[in-house]
Amino acid sequence: MITIKSFCFNLFYENTYVLFDETKQCIIVDPGCFEKAEEETLQQFISSNGLSPVMLVNTHAHIDHVLGNNFVFKTYNLKPVLHRNEIRILEAAPIIGAEWGIAVYPSPLPEKFLDEDDTVSFGNSSLQILFTPGHSPGSICLYSKEQSFIVSGDVLFLESIGRTDLPFGDHETLLQSIRQKLFPLPDETIVYSGHGPETSIGHEKKHNPFVGLFSGNVI
């Protein structure tokens, strides 16, 4: 059974996730640790729980979600895996960080990529990849059908959606991703977002003002 631990890191209040099961293998999703204290918090949790990190996954490559990539690589020798459409954004992170006045260490580049219906496996567990572009051109979500949850990155939030005014964002593509990939999931599916509290698919279908009422039809 997968256990999910979240941390709120950096000045963007980004949610970093560690997912692990009874084998103690874990994956790190969107490490946003920036300050030394944040790095220590992440490392201490992993160490104190006897976890063994086996994969670093980026749902997308905006700087708030990759600030800790370099730290995770140096500490656990893990290069990120993400969708290939995010490479140009990942490579631009230090430049974008400078525009915000943030010193961003370059992330190691991936050696493999994730795409629709790929599987992320660790220990006795696996997660399905959903390709959900719009907020970013290569945004992905990690879905567990067995435990009814999804790690959505910045695709879907509690009664909100990811912004699309950043480079390569597209509002209509994001809405299509949510309607076609996320809203058909069971209502009880818990959504662990890239920012803010968790929500559920059922709640968002009823109350998300940005997507509109969902009829169950593919739009």
C-alpha atoms as a PDB file:
ATOM      1  CA  MET A   1       0.000   0.000   0.000  1.00  0.00           C
ATOM      2  CA  ILE A   2       1.303   3.446  -0.942  1.00  0.00           C
ATOM      3  CA  THR A   3       1.802   6.083   1.741  1.00  0.00           C
ATOM      4  CA  ILE A   4       2.003   9.720   0.658  1.00  0.00           C
ATOM      5  CA  LYS A   5       3.939  12.390   2.524  1.00  0.00           C
ATOM      6  CA  SER A   6       3.759  16.010   1.397  1.00  0.00           C
ATOM      7  CA  PHE A   7       5.997  18.984   2.130  1.00  0.00           C
ATOM      8  CA  CYS A   8       5.284  22.634   1.349  1.00  0.00           C
ATOM      9  CA  PHE A   9       8.540  24.145   0.082  1.00  0.00           C
ATOM     10  CA  ASN A  10      10.001  27.367  -1.354  1.00  0.00           C
ATOM     11  CA  LEU A  11       8.565  30.847  -1.820  1.00  0.00           C
ATOM     12  CA  PHE A  12       5.960  29.494  -4.260  1.00  0.00           C
ATOM     13  CA  TYR A  13       4.450  27.219  -1.552  1.00  0.00           C
ATOM     14  CA  GLU A  14       4.931  24.178  -3.754  1.00  0.00           C
ATOM     15  CA  ASN A  15       3.938  20.682  -2.670  1.00  0.00           C
ATOM     16  CA  THR A  16       6.728  18.115  -2.812  1.00  0.00           C
ATOM     17  CA  TYR A  17       5.673  14.481  -2.421  1.00  0.00           C
ATOM     18  CA  VAL A  18       7.389  11.330  -1.228  1.00  0.00           C
ATOM     19  CA  LEU A  19       5.484   8.138  -2.053  1.00  0.00           C
ATOM     20  CA  PHE A  20       6.541   4.844  -0.475  1.00  0.00           C
ATOM     21  CA  ASP A  21       5.192   1.404   0.372  1.00  0.00           C
ATOM     22  CA  GLU A  22       5.909  -1.471   2.750  1.00  0.00           C
ATOM     23  CA  THR A  23       9.172  -2.304   0.947  1.00  0.00           C
ATOM     24  CA  LYS A  24      10.542   1.123   1.958  1.00  0.00           C
ATOM     25  CA  GLN A  25      11.324   1.978  -1.658  1.00  0.00           C
ATOM     26  CA  CYS A  26      10.123   5.476  -2.504  1.00  0.00           C
ATOM     27  CA  ILE A  27       9.824   7.996  -5.291  1.00  0.00           C
ATOM     28  CA  ILE A  28      10.287  11.746  -4.926  1.00  0.00           C
ATOM     29  CA  VAL A  29       7.844  13.841  -6.945  1.00  0.00           C
ATOM     30  CA  ASP A  30       8.545  17.495  -7.758  1.00  0.00           C
ATOM     31  CA  PRO A  31      11.257  18.286  -5.208  1.00  0.00           C
ATOM     32  CA  GLY A  32      10.846  21.981  -4.534  1.00  0.00           C
ATOM     33  CA  CYS A  33      13.324  22.167  -1.657  1.00  0.00           C
ATOM     34  CA  PHE A  34      15.321  25.377  -2.015  1.00  0.00           C
ATOM     35  CA  GLU A  35      16.616  26.501   1.347  1.00  0.00           C
ATOM     36  CA  LYS A  36      19.118  24.355   3.232  1.00  0.00           C
ATOM     37  CA  ALA A  37      16.530  23.716   5.946  1.00  0.00           C
ATOM     38  CA  GLU A  38      14.106  22.396   3.336  1.00  0.00           C
ATOM     39  CA  GLU A  39      16.714  20.038   1.935  1.00  0.00           C
ATOM     40  CA  GLU A  40      17.418  18.795   5.447  1.00  0.00           C
ATOM     41  CA  THR A  41      13.704  18.304   6.116  1.00  0.00           C
ATOM     42  CA  LEU A  42      13.323  16.112   3.039  1.00  0.00           C
ATOM     43  CA  GLN A  43      16.493  14.142   3.733  1.00  0.00           C
ATOM     44  CA  GLN A  44      15.630  13.657   7.409  1.00  0.00           C
ATOM     45  CA  PHE A  45      12.185  12.269   6.586  1.00  0.00           C
ATOM     46  CA  ILE A  46      13.641   9.794   4.134  1.00  0.00           C
ATOM     47  CA  SER A  47      16.395   8.758   6.524  1.00  0.00           C
ATOM     48  CA  SER A  48      14.272   8.506   9.680  1.00  0.00           C
ATOM     49  CA  ASN A  49      11.760   6.281   7.899  1.00  0.00           C
ATOM     50  CA  GLY A  50      14.436   4.043   6.416  1.00  0.00           C
ATOM     51  CA  LEU A  51      13.360   4.839   2.866  1.00  0.00           C
ATOM     52  CA  SER A  52      15.314   4.091  -0.274  1.00  0.00           C
ATOM     53  CA  PRO A  53      14.651   6.590  -3.104  1.00  0.00           C
ATOM     54  CA  VAL A  54      14.572   4.857  -6.487  1.00  0.00           C
ATOM     55  CA  MET A  55      13.127   7.541  -8.774  1.00  0.00           C
ATOM     56  CA  LEU A  56      12.795  11.316  -9.140  1.00  0.00           C
ATOM     57  CA  VAL A  57       9.683  12.320 -11.087  1.00  0.00           C
ATOM     58  CA  ASN A  58       8.816  15.811 -12.308  1.00  0.00           C
ATOM     59  CA  THR A  59       5.178  16.351 -13.239  1.00  0.00           C
ATOM     60  CA  HIS A  60       6.495  19.344 -15.193  1.00  0.00           C
ATOM     61  CA  ALA A  61       9.600  21.518 -15.156  1.00  0.00           C
ATOM     62  CA  HIS A  62       8.554  24.940 -13.874  1.00  0.00           C
ATOM     63  CA  ILE A  63      11.180  26.178 -11.454  1.00  0.00           C
ATOM     64  CA  ASP A  64       9.109  25.760  -8.296  1.00  0.00           C
ATOM     65  CA  HIS A  65       8.858  22.031  -9.025  1.00  0.00           C
ATOM     66  CA  VAL A  66      12.518  21.419  -9.925  1.00  0.00           C
ATOM     67  CA  LEU A  67      14.425  23.592  -7.444  1.00  0.00           C
ATOM     68  CA  GLY A  68      15.453  20.429  -5.572  1.00  0.00           C
ATOM     69  CA  ASN A  69      16.399  18.320  -8.592  1.00  0.00           C
ATOM     70  CA  ASN A  70      20.084  19.060  -8.187  1.00  0.00           C
ATOM     71  CA  PHE A  71      19.976  18.262  -4.462  1.00  0.00           C
ATOM     72  CA  VAL A  72      18.177  14.954  -5.050  1.00  0.00           C
ATOM     73  CA  PHE A  73      20.700  14.046  -7.733  1.00  0.00           C
ATOM     74  CA  LYS A  74      23.676  14.838  -5.491  1.00  0.00           C
ATOM     75  CA  THR A  75      22.171  13.069  -2.482  1.00  0.00           C
ATOM     76  CA  TYR A  76      20.548   9.998  -4.072  1.00  0.00           C
ATOM     77  CA  ASN A  77      22.122   9.877  -7.550  1.00  0.00           C
ATOM     78  CA  LEU A  78      18.715  10.147  -9.241  1.00  0.00           C
ATOM     79  CA  LYS A  79      18.166  11.968 -12.516  1.00  0.00           C
ATOM     80  CA  PRO A  80      14.654  13.240 -13.200  1.00  0.00           C
ATOM     81  CA  VAL A  81      12.143  11.450 -15.380  1.00  0.00           C
ATOM     82  CA  LEU A  82       9.495  13.581 -17.047  1.00  0.00           C
ATOM     83  CA  HIS A  83       7.787  14.137 -20.392  1.00  0.00           C
ATOM     84  CA  ARG A  84      10.112  15.021 -23.249  1.00  0.00           C
ATOM     85  CA  ASN A  85       8.129  18.211 -23.979  1.00  0.00           C
ATOM     86  CA  GLU A  86       9.503  19.666 -20.736  1.00  0.00           C
ATOM     87  CA  ILE A  87      13.179  19.572 -21.686  1.00  0.00           C
ATOM     88  CA  ARG A  88      13.407  23.148 -22.946  1.00  0.00           C
ATOM     89  CA  ILE A  89      11.716  24.392 -19.774  1.00  0.00           C
ATOM     90  CA  LEU A  90      13.986  22.315 -17.554  1.00  0.00           C
ATOM     91  CA  GLU A  91      17.087  23.612 -19.323  1.00  0.00           C
ATOM     92  CA  ALA A  92      15.857  27.201 -18.981  1.00  0.00           C
ATOM     93  CA  ALA A  93      15.290  26.952 -15.215  1.00  0.00           C
ATOM     94  CA  PRO A  94      18.461  28.876 -14.196  1.00  0.00           C
ATOM     95  CA  ILE A  95      17.579  31.711 -16.600  1.00  0.00           C
ATOM     96  CA  ILE A  96      13.982  31.862 -15.423  1.00  0.00           C
ATOM     97  CA  GLY A  97      15.155  31.730 -11.826  1.00  0.00           C
ATOM     98  CA  ALA A  98      17.421  34.720 -12.421  1.00  0.00           C
ATOM     99  CA  GLU A  99      14.400  36.698 -13.613  1.00  0.00           C
ATOM    100  CA  TRP A 100      12.808  36.002 -10.221  1.00  0.00           C
ATOM    101  CA  GLY A 101      16.031  36.780  -8.381  1.00  0.00           C
ATOM    102  CA  ILE A 102      16.493  33.108  -7.483  1.00  0.00           C
ATOM    103  CA  ALA A 103      19.735  31.176  -7.915  1.00  0.00           C
ATOM    104  CA  VAL A 104      18.629  27.899  -9.501  1.00  0.00           C
ATOM    105  CA  TYR A 105      21.191  25.132  -9.796  1.00  0.00           C
ATOM    106  CA  PRO A 106      20.927  23.406 -13.190  1.00  0.00           C
ATOM    107  CA  SER A 107      19.054  20.133 -13.045  1.00  0.00           C
ATOM    108  CA  PRO A 108      20.641  16.976 -14.393  1.00  0.00           C
ATOM    109  CA  LEU A 109      18.996  15.994 -17.647  1.00  0.00           C
ATOM    110  CA  PRO A 110      16.820  12.896 -17.878  1.00  0.00           C
ATOM    111  CA  GLU A 111      18.000   9.679 -19.425  1.00  0.00           C
ATOM    112  CA  LYS A 112      14.460   8.474 -20.078  1.00  0.00           C
ATOM    113  CA  PHE A 113      11.041  10.023 -20.493  1.00  0.00           C
ATOM    114  CA  LEU A 114       7.474   9.354 -19.417  1.00  0.00           C
ATOM    115  CA  ASP A 115       4.391   9.418 -21.617  1.00  0.00           C
ATOM    116  CA  GLU A 116       0.721   8.437 -21.628  1.00  0.00           C
ATOM    117  CA  ASP A 117       0.045   4.998 -20.106  1.00  0.00           C
ATOM    118  CA  ASP A 118       3.648   4.462 -19.002  1.00  0.00           C
ATOM    119  CA  THR A 119       4.079   2.992 -15.529  1.00  0.00           C
ATOM    120  CA  VAL A 120       6.163   4.280 -12.640  1.00  0.00           C
ATOM    121  CA  SER A 121       7.066   1.361 -10.374  1.00  0.00           C
ATOM    122  CA  PHE A 122       8.658   1.166  -6.925  1.00  0.00           C
ATOM    123  CA  GLY A 123       8.605  -1.639  -4.400  1.00  0.00           C
ATOM    124  CA  ASN A 124       5.318  -3.503  -4.781  1.00  0.00           C
ATOM    125  CA  SER A 125       3.551  -0.476  -6.216  1.00  0.00           C
ATOM    126  CA  SER A 126       2.929   1.145  -9.571  1.00  0.00           C
ATOM    127  CA  LEU A 127       1.352   4.339 -10.884  1.00  0.00           C
ATOM    128  CA  GLN A 128      -0.098   5.049 -14.311  1.00  0.00           C
ATOM    129  CA  ILE A 129       1.061   8.114 -16.222  1.00  0.00           C
ATOM    130  CA  LEU A 130      -1.575  10.410 -17.724  1.00  0.00           C
ATOM    131  CA  PHE A 131      -0.407  12.994 -20.263  1.00  0.00           C
ATOM    132  CA  THR A 132      -2.187  16.226 -19.316  1.00  0.00           C
ATOM    133  CA  PRO A 133      -0.681  19.228 -21.148  1.00  0.00           C
ATOM    134  CA  GLY A 134      -1.937  22.784 -20.971  1.00  0.00           C
ATOM    135  CA  HIS A 135      -0.378  24.322 -17.878  1.00  0.00           C
ATOM    136  CA  SER A 136       2.908  23.217 -19.382  1.00  0.00           C
ATOM    137  CA  PRO A 137       3.449  21.387 -22.696  1.00  0.00           C
ATOM    138  CA  GLY A 138       4.533  18.150 -21.046  1.00  0.00           C
ATOM    139  CA  SER A 139       2.528  18.087 -17.828  1.00  0.00           C
ATOM    140  CA  ILE A 140       1.825  14.587 -16.516  1.00  0.00           C
ATOM    141  CA  CYS A 141      -0.199  13.150 -13.633  1.00  0.00           C
ATOM    142  CA  LEU A 142       0.469   9.975 -11.635  1.00  0.00           C
ATOM    143  CA  TYR A 143      -2.634   7.836 -11.051  1.00  0.00           C
ATOM    144  CA  SER A 144      -3.305   4.941  -8.716  1.00  0.00           C
ATOM    145  CA  LYS A 145      -6.485   3.121  -9.681  1.00  0.00           C
ATOM    146  CA  GLU A 146      -6.090   0.693  -6.766  1.00  0.00           C
ATOM    147  CA  GLN A 147      -5.936   3.414  -4.112  1.00  0.00           C
ATOM    148  CA  SER A 148      -8.017   6.025  -5.935  1.00  0.00           C
ATOM    149  CA  PHE A 149      -5.625   8.958  -5.940  1.00  0.00           C
ATOM    150  CA  ILE A 150      -3.802  11.115  -8.441  1.00  0.00           C
ATOM    151  CA  VAL A 151      -0.779  13.386  -8.103  1.00  0.00           C
ATOM    152  CA  SER A 152      -1.794  16.158 -10.454  1.00  0.00           C
ATOM    153  CA  GLY A 153       1.086  18.618 -10.466  1.00  0.00           C
ATOM    154  CA  ASP A 154      -0.311  22.006 -11.486  1.00  0.00           C
ATOM    155  CA  VAL A 155      -3.107  20.662 -13.675  1.00  0.00           C
ATOM    156  CA  LEU A 156      -5.945  20.689 -11.135  1.00  0.00           C
ATOM    157  CA  PHE A 157      -6.308  22.370  -7.746  1.00  0.00           C
ATOM    158  CA  LEU A 158      -9.029  22.738  -5.141  1.00  0.00           C
ATOM    159  CA  GLU A 159     -11.658  24.699  -7.108  1.00  0.00           C
ATOM    160  CA  SER A 160      -8.994  26.010  -9.447  1.00  0.00           C
ATOM    161  CA  ILE A 161      -6.703  25.033 -12.320  1.00  0.00           C
ATOM    162  CA  GLY A 162      -3.126  25.683 -13.353  1.00  0.00           C
ATOM    163  CA  ARG A 163      -2.250  29.056 -14.856  1.00  0.00           C
ATOM    164  CA  THR A 164      -1.686  29.155 -18.589  1.00  0.00           C
ATOM    165  CA  ASP A 165      -0.069  32.575 -19.043  1.00  0.00           C
ATOM    166  CA  LEU A 166       3.447  31.167 -18.713  1.00  0.00           C
ATOM    167  CA  PRO A 167       5.474  30.289 -21.844  1.00  0.00           C
ATOM    168  CA  PHE A 168       4.001  27.339 -23.778  1.00  0.00           C
ATOM    169  CA  GLY A 169       0.835  27.252 -21.658  1.00  0.00           C
ATOM    170  CA  ASP A 170      -2.521  26.897 -23.383  1.00  0.00           C
ATOM    171  CA  HIS A 171      -5.862  27.372 -21.635  1.00  0.00           C
ATOM    172  CA  GLU A 172      -8.046  25.305 -23.948  1.00  0.00           C
ATOM    173  CA  THR A 173      -5.528  22.442 -23.956  1.00  0.00           C
ATOM    174  CA  LEU A 174      -5.554  22.435 -20.150  1.00  0.00           C
ATOM    175  CA  LEU A 175      -9.347  22.309 -20.003  1.00  0.00           C
ATOM    176  CA  GLN A 176      -9.346  19.459 -22.496  1.00  0.00           C
ATOM    177  CA  SER A 177      -6.799  17.542 -20.403  1.00  0.00           C
ATOM    178  CA  ILE A 178      -8.923  17.925 -17.274  1.00  0.00           C
ATOM    179  CA  ARG A 179     -12.167  16.983 -18.984  1.00  0.00           C
ATOM    180  CA  GLN A 180     -10.800  14.057 -20.970  1.00  0.00           C
ATOM    181  CA  LYS A 181      -8.218  12.591 -18.581  1.00  0.00           C
ATOM    182  CA  LEU A 182      -9.148  13.559 -15.014  1.00  0.00           C
ATOM    183  CA  PHE A 183     -12.894  14.088 -14.773  1.00  0.00           C
ATOM    184  CA  PRO A 184     -13.719  10.602 -16.116  1.00  0.00           C
ATOM    185  CA  LEU A 185     -11.896   9.127 -13.083  1.00  0.00           C
ATOM    186  CA  PRO A 186     -14.064   7.917 -10.176  1.00  0.00           C
ATOM    187  CA  ASP A 187     -15.507  10.719  -8.061  1.00  0.00           C
ATOM    188  CA  GLU A 188     -13.789   9.399  -4.939  1.00  0.00           C
ATOM    189  CA  THR A 189     -10.332   9.837  -6.498  1.00  0.00           C
ATOM    190  CA  ILE A 190      -8.235  12.058  -4.218  1.00  0.00           C
ATOM    191  CA  VAL A 191      -6.264  14.782  -5.996  1.00  0.00           C
ATOM    192  CA  TYR A 192      -2.862  15.704  -4.557  1.00  0.00           C
ATOM    193  CA  SER A 193      -2.073  19.015  -6.211  1.00  0.00           C
ATOM    194  CA  GLY A 194       1.147  20.898  -6.778  1.00  0.00           C
ATOM    195  CA  HIS A 195      -0.052  23.727  -4.524  1.00  0.00           C
ATOM    196  CA  GLY A 196      -2.639  23.940  -1.782  1.00  0.00           C
ATOM    197  CA  PRO A 197      -4.757  21.267  -0.099  1.00  0.00           C
ATOM    198  CA  GLU A 198      -5.965  18.006  -1.541  1.00  0.00           C
ATOM    199  CA  THR A 199      -9.354  17.718  -3.194  1.00  0.00           C
ATOM    200  CA  SER A 200     -11.317  15.046  -5.076  1.00  0.00           C
ATOM    201  CA  ILE A 201     -12.463  14.518  -8.632  1.00  0.00           C
ATOM    202  CA  GLY A 202     -16.090  14.494  -7.521  1.00  0.00           C
ATOM    203  CA  HIS A 203     -15.728  17.815  -5.722  1.00  0.00           C
ATOM    204  CA  GLU A 204     -14.058  19.468  -8.699  1.00  0.00           C
ATOM    205  CA  LYS A 205     -16.677  18.190 -11.149  1.00  0.00           C
ATOM    206  CA  LYS A 206     -19.339  19.896  -9.027  1.00  0.00           C
ATOM    207  CA  HIS A 207     -17.568  23.008  -7.787  1.00  0.00           C
ATOM    208  CA  ASN A 208     -14.640  23.957 -10.040  1.00  0.00           C
ATOM    209  CA  PRO A 209     -15.693  27.263 -11.670  1.00  0.00           C
ATOM    210  CA  PHE A 210     -12.921  27.183 -14.254  1.00  0.00           C
ATOM    211  CA  VAL A 211     -13.896  23.910 -15.892  1.00  0.00           C
ATOM    212  CA  GLY A 212     -17.697  24.152 -15.739  1.00  0.00           C
ATOM    213  CA  LEU A 213     -20.203  21.453 -14.956  1.00  0.00           C
ATOM    214  CA  PHE A 214     -19.106  18.064 -16.229  1.00  0.00           C
ATOM    215  CA  SER A 215     -21.744  15.964 -17.921  1.00  0.00           C
ATOM    216  CA  GLY A 216     -19.641  12.838 -18.310  1.00  0.00           C
ATOM    217  CA  ASN A 217     -19.191  13.365 -22.014  1.00  0.00           C
ATOM    218  CA  VAL A 218     -15.754  13.721 -23.596  1.00  0.00           C
ATOM    219  CA  ILE A 219     -15.454  17.355 -24.647  1.00  0.00           C
END
